[in-house]
N, C-alpha and C. Protein backbone atom coordinates (compact mmCIF):
# COMPACT_ATOMS: atom_id res chain seq x y z
N MET A 1 27.59 -108.15 -10.83
CA MET A 1 27.56 -107.56 -9.50
C MET A 1 28.34 -108.27 -8.84
N PHE A 2 28.01 -109.47 -9.19
CA PHE A 2 28.76 -110.92 -7.67
C PHE A 2 30.55 -110.85 -8.02
N VAL A 3 31.04 -110.73 -9.02
CA VAL A 3 32.34 -110.35 -9.36
C VAL A 3 32.62 -109.43 -9.00
N GLU A 4 32.58 -108.08 -9.58
CA GLU A 4 33.00 -106.98 -9.72
C GLU A 4 32.83 -106.37 -7.89
N GLU A 5 31.20 -106.14 -7.65
CA GLU A 5 31.14 -105.78 -6.53
C GLU A 5 31.83 -106.57 -5.12
N GLN A 6 31.30 -107.80 -5.22
CA GLN A 6 31.57 -108.26 -4.26
C GLN A 6 32.97 -109.27 -4.10
N GLY A 7 33.66 -108.79 -4.94
CA GLY A 7 34.81 -109.87 -5.06
C GLY A 7 34.29 -111.73 -5.22
N VAL A 8 33.49 -111.83 -5.52
CA VAL A 8 33.12 -112.95 -5.84
C VAL A 8 34.37 -113.96 -6.86
N PRO A 9 35.20 -114.90 -7.13
CA PRO A 9 35.71 -115.57 -8.06
C PRO A 9 35.70 -115.59 -8.94
N LEU A 10 35.45 -115.40 -10.08
CA LEU A 10 34.64 -115.38 -11.56
C LEU A 10 35.47 -116.89 -11.82
N GLN A 11 35.51 -118.36 -11.17
CA GLN A 11 36.08 -119.55 -11.30
C GLN A 11 34.75 -120.21 -10.61
N ILE A 12 34.15 -119.13 -9.90
CA ILE A 12 32.84 -120.01 -8.73
C ILE A 12 31.58 -119.63 -8.95
N GLU A 13 31.78 -118.41 -10.12
CA GLU A 13 30.82 -117.36 -10.41
C GLU A 13 30.01 -118.28 -11.70
N TRP A 14 30.38 -119.37 -12.69
CA TRP A 14 30.08 -120.07 -13.52
C TRP A 14 29.89 -121.12 -13.07
N ASP A 15 29.08 -121.64 -13.22
CA ASP A 15 29.14 -123.11 -13.23
C ASP A 15 28.41 -124.06 -13.93
N ASP A 16 28.70 -125.30 -13.27
CA ASP A 16 27.57 -126.85 -13.93
C ASP A 16 25.93 -126.49 -14.32
N TYR A 17 25.41 -125.84 -13.28
CA TYR A 17 23.68 -125.38 -13.05
C TYR A 17 23.58 -124.79 -14.07
N ASP A 18 24.40 -123.62 -15.13
CA ASP A 18 23.94 -122.57 -15.87
C ASP A 18 23.52 -122.66 -17.16
N ALA A 19 23.95 -124.64 -17.35
CA ALA A 19 23.31 -125.42 -18.90
C ALA A 19 21.75 -125.65 -18.41
N ILE A 20 21.76 -125.70 -16.93
CA ILE A 20 20.80 -126.46 -17.20
C ILE A 20 19.36 -125.83 -16.41
N ALA A 21 19.82 -124.40 -15.70
CA ALA A 21 18.95 -123.72 -14.78
C ALA A 21 18.05 -123.05 -15.93
N GLU A 22 16.75 -122.36 -15.58
CA GLU A 22 16.15 -121.60 -16.08
C GLU A 22 16.68 -120.11 -15.34
N HIS A 23 16.87 -119.21 -16.80
CA HIS A 23 17.56 -117.59 -16.70
C HIS A 23 16.03 -116.52 -16.72
N ARG A 24 16.31 -116.15 -15.62
CA ARG A 24 15.52 -114.46 -15.66
C ARG A 24 15.64 -113.34 -16.03
N LEU A 25 16.03 -112.69 -16.36
CA LEU A 25 16.09 -111.08 -17.18
C LEU A 25 14.98 -110.46 -16.67
N LEU A 26 15.18 -109.18 -15.97
CA LEU A 26 13.96 -108.48 -15.55
C LEU A 26 14.31 -107.18 -16.67
N LEU A 27 13.64 -106.67 -17.63
CA LEU A 27 14.23 -105.48 -18.72
C LEU A 27 13.02 -104.34 -17.55
N VAL A 28 14.13 -103.26 -18.18
CA VAL A 28 13.59 -101.65 -17.66
C VAL A 28 13.75 -101.32 -18.66
N ASP A 29 12.94 -100.66 -19.33
CA ASP A 29 12.87 -99.73 -21.41
C ASP A 29 13.75 -100.03 -21.50
N GLY A 30 13.93 -101.98 -21.55
CA GLY A 30 14.54 -102.41 -22.58
C GLY A 30 15.97 -102.96 -22.20
N GLN A 31 16.50 -102.32 -21.14
CA GLN A 31 18.03 -102.11 -20.22
C GLN A 31 17.90 -103.54 -19.36
N LEU A 32 19.11 -104.24 -19.11
CA LEU A 32 18.74 -105.11 -17.75
C LEU A 32 18.85 -104.72 -16.52
N ALA A 33 18.03 -104.52 -15.56
CA ALA A 33 18.02 -104.47 -14.44
C ALA A 33 18.37 -105.71 -13.22
N ALA A 34 17.38 -106.50 -13.75
CA ALA A 34 17.88 -107.55 -12.25
C ALA A 34 17.50 -109.21 -13.33
N THR A 35 18.32 -109.92 -12.41
CA THR A 35 18.91 -111.23 -13.22
C THR A 35 18.42 -111.88 -12.40
N GLY A 36 18.17 -113.64 -12.38
CA GLY A 36 18.38 -114.80 -11.39
C GLY A 36 18.60 -115.86 -11.88
N ARG A 37 17.86 -117.15 -11.57
CA ARG A 37 17.64 -118.46 -11.90
C ARG A 37 17.52 -119.69 -10.94
N TRP A 38 16.59 -120.06 -11.64
CA TRP A 38 16.09 -121.87 -11.10
C TRP A 38 16.24 -122.60 -11.87
N ARG A 39 16.36 -124.00 -10.50
CA ARG A 39 16.45 -124.80 -10.96
C ARG A 39 16.35 -126.07 -10.19
N TRP A 40 15.53 -127.18 -10.62
CA TRP A 40 15.22 -128.59 -10.34
C TRP A 40 15.70 -129.15 -9.08
N LYS A 41 15.90 -129.05 -8.00
CA LYS A 41 17.32 -129.68 -6.95
C LYS A 41 17.00 -130.99 -6.80
N ASP A 42 15.10 -131.45 -6.78
CA ASP A 42 15.36 -132.58 -6.54
C ASP A 42 14.48 -132.38 -6.92
N ILE A 43 12.94 -133.97 -6.95
CA ILE A 43 11.43 -134.44 -7.38
C ILE A 43 10.82 -132.99 -6.23
N GLY A 44 10.72 -132.04 -6.83
CA GLY A 44 9.21 -131.30 -6.39
C GLY A 44 10.16 -129.99 -5.14
N VAL A 45 11.54 -130.02 -5.74
CA VAL A 45 11.94 -129.31 -4.91
C VAL A 45 12.79 -128.53 -5.61
N ALA A 46 13.06 -126.91 -5.88
CA ALA A 46 13.32 -126.13 -7.25
C ALA A 46 14.49 -125.28 -5.94
N LYS A 47 15.45 -124.65 -6.19
CA LYS A 47 16.18 -124.05 -5.65
C LYS A 47 16.41 -122.48 -7.23
N LEU A 48 16.23 -121.73 -6.02
CA LEU A 48 16.14 -120.02 -6.17
C LEU A 48 18.06 -119.59 -6.46
N GLU A 49 18.68 -118.92 -7.55
CA GLU A 49 20.09 -118.93 -7.27
C GLU A 49 20.35 -117.24 -8.26
N ARG A 50 20.94 -117.13 -7.31
CA ARG A 50 21.95 -115.85 -8.43
C ARG A 50 21.31 -114.56 -8.77
N PHE A 51 20.29 -114.30 -7.73
CA PHE A 51 18.93 -113.22 -7.88
C PHE A 51 20.06 -112.08 -7.17
N ALA A 52 20.10 -110.73 -8.65
CA ALA A 52 21.27 -109.41 -8.62
C ALA A 52 19.91 -108.53 -9.19
N VAL A 53 20.61 -107.35 -8.66
CA VAL A 53 20.19 -106.22 -9.19
C VAL A 53 21.13 -105.07 -9.72
N LEU A 54 21.03 -104.86 -10.86
CA LEU A 54 22.36 -103.92 -11.21
C LEU A 54 22.40 -102.80 -9.83
N ARG A 55 23.38 -101.66 -9.71
CA ARG A 55 23.35 -100.90 -8.68
C ARG A 55 22.08 -99.56 -9.29
N GLU A 56 22.96 -99.28 -10.45
CA GLU A 56 21.70 -98.06 -10.49
C GLU A 56 20.27 -98.72 -10.90
N HIS A 57 19.75 -99.87 -10.48
CA HIS A 57 18.87 -100.00 -10.75
C HIS A 57 17.82 -99.94 -9.29
N ARG A 58 19.03 -100.64 -8.38
CA ARG A 58 18.31 -100.68 -6.86
C ARG A 58 17.45 -99.00 -6.80
N GLY A 59 16.79 -99.98 -4.98
CA GLY A 59 15.54 -99.40 -4.08
C GLY A 59 14.63 -98.37 -5.57
N PHE A 60 14.19 -99.20 -6.25
CA PHE A 60 13.39 -99.00 -7.54
C PHE A 60 11.98 -100.57 -6.51
N GLY A 61 12.61 -101.14 -6.48
CA GLY A 61 11.56 -102.64 -6.31
C GLY A 61 11.87 -103.68 -7.11
N HIS A 62 12.79 -103.53 -8.16
CA HIS A 62 12.84 -104.46 -8.53
C HIS A 62 13.58 -105.53 -8.26
N GLY A 63 13.91 -105.61 -7.53
CA GLY A 63 14.21 -107.46 -6.95
C GLY A 63 12.96 -108.15 -6.43
N ARG A 64 12.34 -107.28 -5.99
CA ARG A 64 10.98 -107.67 -5.20
C ARG A 64 10.59 -107.97 -7.12
N ARG A 65 9.81 -107.47 -7.89
CA ARG A 65 9.44 -108.20 -8.55
C ARG A 65 9.91 -109.12 -9.44
N ILE A 66 11.38 -109.78 -9.27
CA ILE A 66 11.71 -110.27 -10.61
C ILE A 66 11.67 -111.78 -9.24
N VAL A 67 12.31 -111.78 -7.81
CA VAL A 67 11.59 -112.59 -7.16
C VAL A 67 10.65 -113.02 -6.81
N GLY A 68 9.59 -112.40 -6.66
CA GLY A 68 7.62 -112.96 -6.92
C GLY A 68 7.70 -113.50 -8.03
N ALA A 69 8.10 -112.34 -9.25
CA ALA A 69 7.70 -113.35 -10.21
C ALA A 69 8.54 -114.79 -10.80
N VAL A 70 9.64 -115.12 -10.26
CA VAL A 70 10.44 -116.82 -10.27
C VAL A 70 9.49 -117.28 -9.61
N VAL A 71 9.26 -116.69 -8.23
CA VAL A 71 8.17 -117.26 -7.19
C VAL A 71 7.19 -118.15 -7.52
N ASP A 72 6.69 -116.97 -8.75
CA ASP A 72 5.10 -117.29 -8.51
C ASP A 72 5.02 -118.36 -9.90
N GLU A 73 5.81 -118.17 -10.99
CA GLU A 73 6.94 -118.96 -12.17
C GLU A 73 6.94 -121.01 -11.82
N VAL A 74 7.76 -120.88 -10.04
CA VAL A 74 8.26 -121.81 -10.05
C VAL A 74 7.05 -122.74 -9.54
N LEU A 75 5.84 -122.36 -8.60
CA LEU A 75 5.20 -122.22 -7.89
C LEU A 75 3.93 -123.85 -8.86
N ALA A 76 3.66 -122.35 -9.65
CA ALA A 76 2.82 -122.58 -10.78
C ALA A 76 3.47 -123.98 -12.11
N THR A 77 5.20 -124.80 -11.27
CA THR A 77 5.51 -125.96 -12.50
C THR A 77 5.13 -127.10 -11.60
N GLY A 78 4.47 -126.40 -10.13
CA GLY A 78 4.31 -127.77 -9.21
C GLY A 78 5.48 -127.68 -8.07
N ALA A 79 6.17 -127.05 -8.15
CA ALA A 79 6.81 -126.89 -6.95
C ALA A 79 6.72 -127.15 -5.31
N ARG A 80 7.19 -128.44 -4.34
CA ARG A 80 6.30 -128.39 -3.35
C ARG A 80 7.05 -127.55 -2.38
N ARG A 81 8.25 -127.30 -2.40
CA ARG A 81 9.55 -127.05 -2.01
C ARG A 81 10.38 -125.83 -2.50
N ILE A 82 10.63 -124.76 -1.90
CA ILE A 82 11.27 -124.34 -2.92
C ILE A 82 12.41 -123.46 -1.82
N GLU A 83 14.22 -123.61 -2.48
CA GLU A 83 14.86 -123.42 -1.22
C GLU A 83 15.92 -122.00 -2.34
N LEU A 84 16.68 -121.75 -1.16
CA LEU A 84 17.88 -120.79 -1.54
C LEU A 84 18.89 -120.62 -0.48
N SER A 85 19.83 -120.00 -1.27
CA SER A 85 20.79 -119.37 0.00
C SER A 85 20.89 -118.31 -0.39
N ALA A 86 20.64 -117.85 0.82
CA ALA A 86 20.19 -116.14 0.26
C ALA A 86 21.63 -116.08 1.77
N GLN A 87 22.15 -114.96 0.82
CA GLN A 87 23.31 -113.54 1.74
C GLN A 87 22.44 -112.83 3.12
N ALA A 88 22.89 -113.46 3.78
CA ALA A 88 22.72 -113.13 5.46
C ALA A 88 21.88 -111.93 6.08
N HIS A 89 22.26 -110.73 4.76
CA HIS A 89 21.65 -109.35 4.99
C HIS A 89 20.67 -109.49 4.16
N LEU A 90 19.81 -110.08 3.48
CA LEU A 90 18.77 -110.24 2.55
C LEU A 90 17.56 -111.16 3.51
N GLU A 91 18.61 -111.56 4.23
CA GLU A 91 17.03 -112.42 5.31
C GLU A 91 15.25 -112.55 5.38
N ALA A 92 15.63 -110.52 5.77
CA ALA A 92 14.70 -110.32 6.14
C ALA A 92 13.60 -110.28 4.66
N PHE A 93 14.55 -109.35 3.92
CA PHE A 93 14.00 -109.69 2.61
C PHE A 93 13.30 -110.34 1.45
N TYR A 94 13.65 -111.96 1.97
CA TYR A 94 13.90 -113.66 1.44
C TYR A 94 12.44 -113.76 2.37
N ALA A 95 12.40 -112.90 3.10
CA ALA A 95 11.05 -114.07 4.37
C ALA A 95 9.99 -113.12 4.59
N SER A 96 9.79 -111.92 3.35
CA SER A 96 9.02 -111.18 3.45
C SER A 96 8.37 -112.41 1.44
N PHE A 97 8.71 -113.14 1.64
CA PHE A 97 8.73 -114.18 0.56
C PHE A 97 8.06 -115.33 1.23
N GLY A 98 7.91 -115.38 2.16
CA GLY A 98 7.45 -116.89 2.91
C GLY A 98 8.62 -117.55 3.19
N PHE A 99 9.72 -117.15 2.79
CA PHE A 99 10.49 -118.21 3.36
C PHE A 99 11.40 -118.39 4.67
N ARG A 100 11.42 -118.94 5.56
CA ARG A 100 12.02 -119.22 6.61
C ARG A 100 13.98 -119.89 6.30
N VAL A 101 14.81 -119.45 7.34
CA VAL A 101 15.75 -120.14 7.94
C VAL A 101 15.79 -121.28 7.98
N CYS A 102 16.44 -122.25 7.27
CA CYS A 102 15.52 -123.96 7.79
C CYS A 102 17.80 -124.98 7.74
N GLY A 103 18.79 -123.96 8.66
CA GLY A 103 19.80 -124.53 8.28
C GLY A 103 20.36 -123.30 9.61
N GLU A 104 22.14 -124.18 9.27
CA GLU A 104 22.88 -123.35 9.83
C GLU A 104 23.55 -122.47 9.36
N GLY A 105 24.28 -121.10 9.41
CA GLY A 105 24.61 -120.33 8.63
C GLY A 105 25.64 -120.68 7.85
N PHE A 106 26.20 -120.41 6.52
CA PHE A 106 27.62 -120.56 6.70
C PHE A 106 28.21 -119.31 5.34
N ASP A 107 29.70 -119.48 4.68
CA ASP A 107 29.98 -118.95 4.41
C ASP A 107 30.29 -119.54 2.85
N GLU A 108 29.95 -118.42 1.99
CA GLU A 108 30.91 -118.51 1.01
C GLU A 108 31.23 -117.38 -0.09
N ALA A 109 32.55 -117.95 -0.91
CA ALA A 109 33.38 -116.59 -0.95
C ALA A 109 33.43 -115.04 -1.02
N GLY A 110 33.52 -115.95 0.44
CA GLY A 110 33.38 -114.89 2.21
C GLY A 110 32.75 -114.64 2.18
N ILE A 111 30.94 -114.44 2.00
CA ILE A 111 30.08 -113.83 2.08
C ILE A 111 29.43 -114.93 2.95
N PRO A 112 28.54 -114.04 3.73
CA PRO A 112 28.17 -114.86 4.63
C PRO A 112 26.59 -114.88 4.03
N HIS A 113 25.86 -116.59 4.13
CA HIS A 113 24.75 -117.10 3.92
C HIS A 113 23.52 -117.46 4.90
N VAL A 114 22.80 -117.74 5.08
CA VAL A 114 21.79 -119.19 5.54
C VAL A 114 20.88 -119.66 4.69
N PRO A 115 20.90 -120.82 4.58
CA PRO A 115 20.01 -121.30 3.90
C PRO A 115 18.73 -121.20 4.34
N MET A 116 17.54 -121.38 2.87
CA MET A 116 15.88 -120.95 3.69
C MET A 116 15.38 -121.72 2.49
N ALA A 117 14.28 -121.87 3.02
CA ALA A 117 13.03 -122.45 2.47
C ALA A 117 11.80 -122.10 2.51
N ARG A 118 11.20 -122.41 1.56
CA ARG A 118 9.60 -122.52 1.40
C ARG A 118 8.91 -123.33 0.93
N ASP A 119 7.07 -123.98 1.70
CA ASP A 119 6.83 -124.54 1.63
C ASP A 119 5.73 -123.86 0.39
N ALA A 120 5.13 -124.84 -0.59
CA ALA A 120 4.34 -124.23 -1.83
C ALA A 120 2.94 -123.74 -1.49
N GLU A 121 2.53 -123.82 0.29
CA GLU A 121 1.52 -123.32 0.26
C GLU A 121 1.70 -121.59 -0.07
N PRO A 122 0.09 -120.75 -0.16
CA PRO A 122 -0.05 -119.86 -1.04
C PRO A 122 0.95 -118.77 0.68
N ILE A 123 1.36 -117.72 0.69
CA ILE A 123 1.52 -116.70 1.71
C ILE A 123 0.27 -115.79 2.24
N SER A 124 -0.58 -115.86 3.42
CA SER A 124 -1.23 -115.92 4.02
C SER A 124 -1.13 -113.82 3.35
N ALA A 125 -2.43 -113.83 3.27
CA ALA A 125 -2.25 -111.99 2.93
C ALA A 125 -2.76 -111.17 4.66
């Protein structure tokens, strides 16, 4: 998705974190629908990365399912803080999981991003 749809150069799509990150897949009827990864950034600080939903699976809540499951997993490991770099157009989506912008926006691979983070406290209902 990042390379073909968004024009991210293949040489920056693969990185050294691929070998140490926890990769997650969401399957729908045995077929890949969404993916993401997370890794430890520092003691008690996890970083979510590379979340994507395949085009034909968008609009069915699969992004919400995989992000929610990974946030729950990361919190269960004892993370005190979770960080991510959201594509700017997805800021409201990640805010719905309790993430807040925590710095200046930036460009990555020609795509506007915003740094976001949330602490380990549960989201109020």
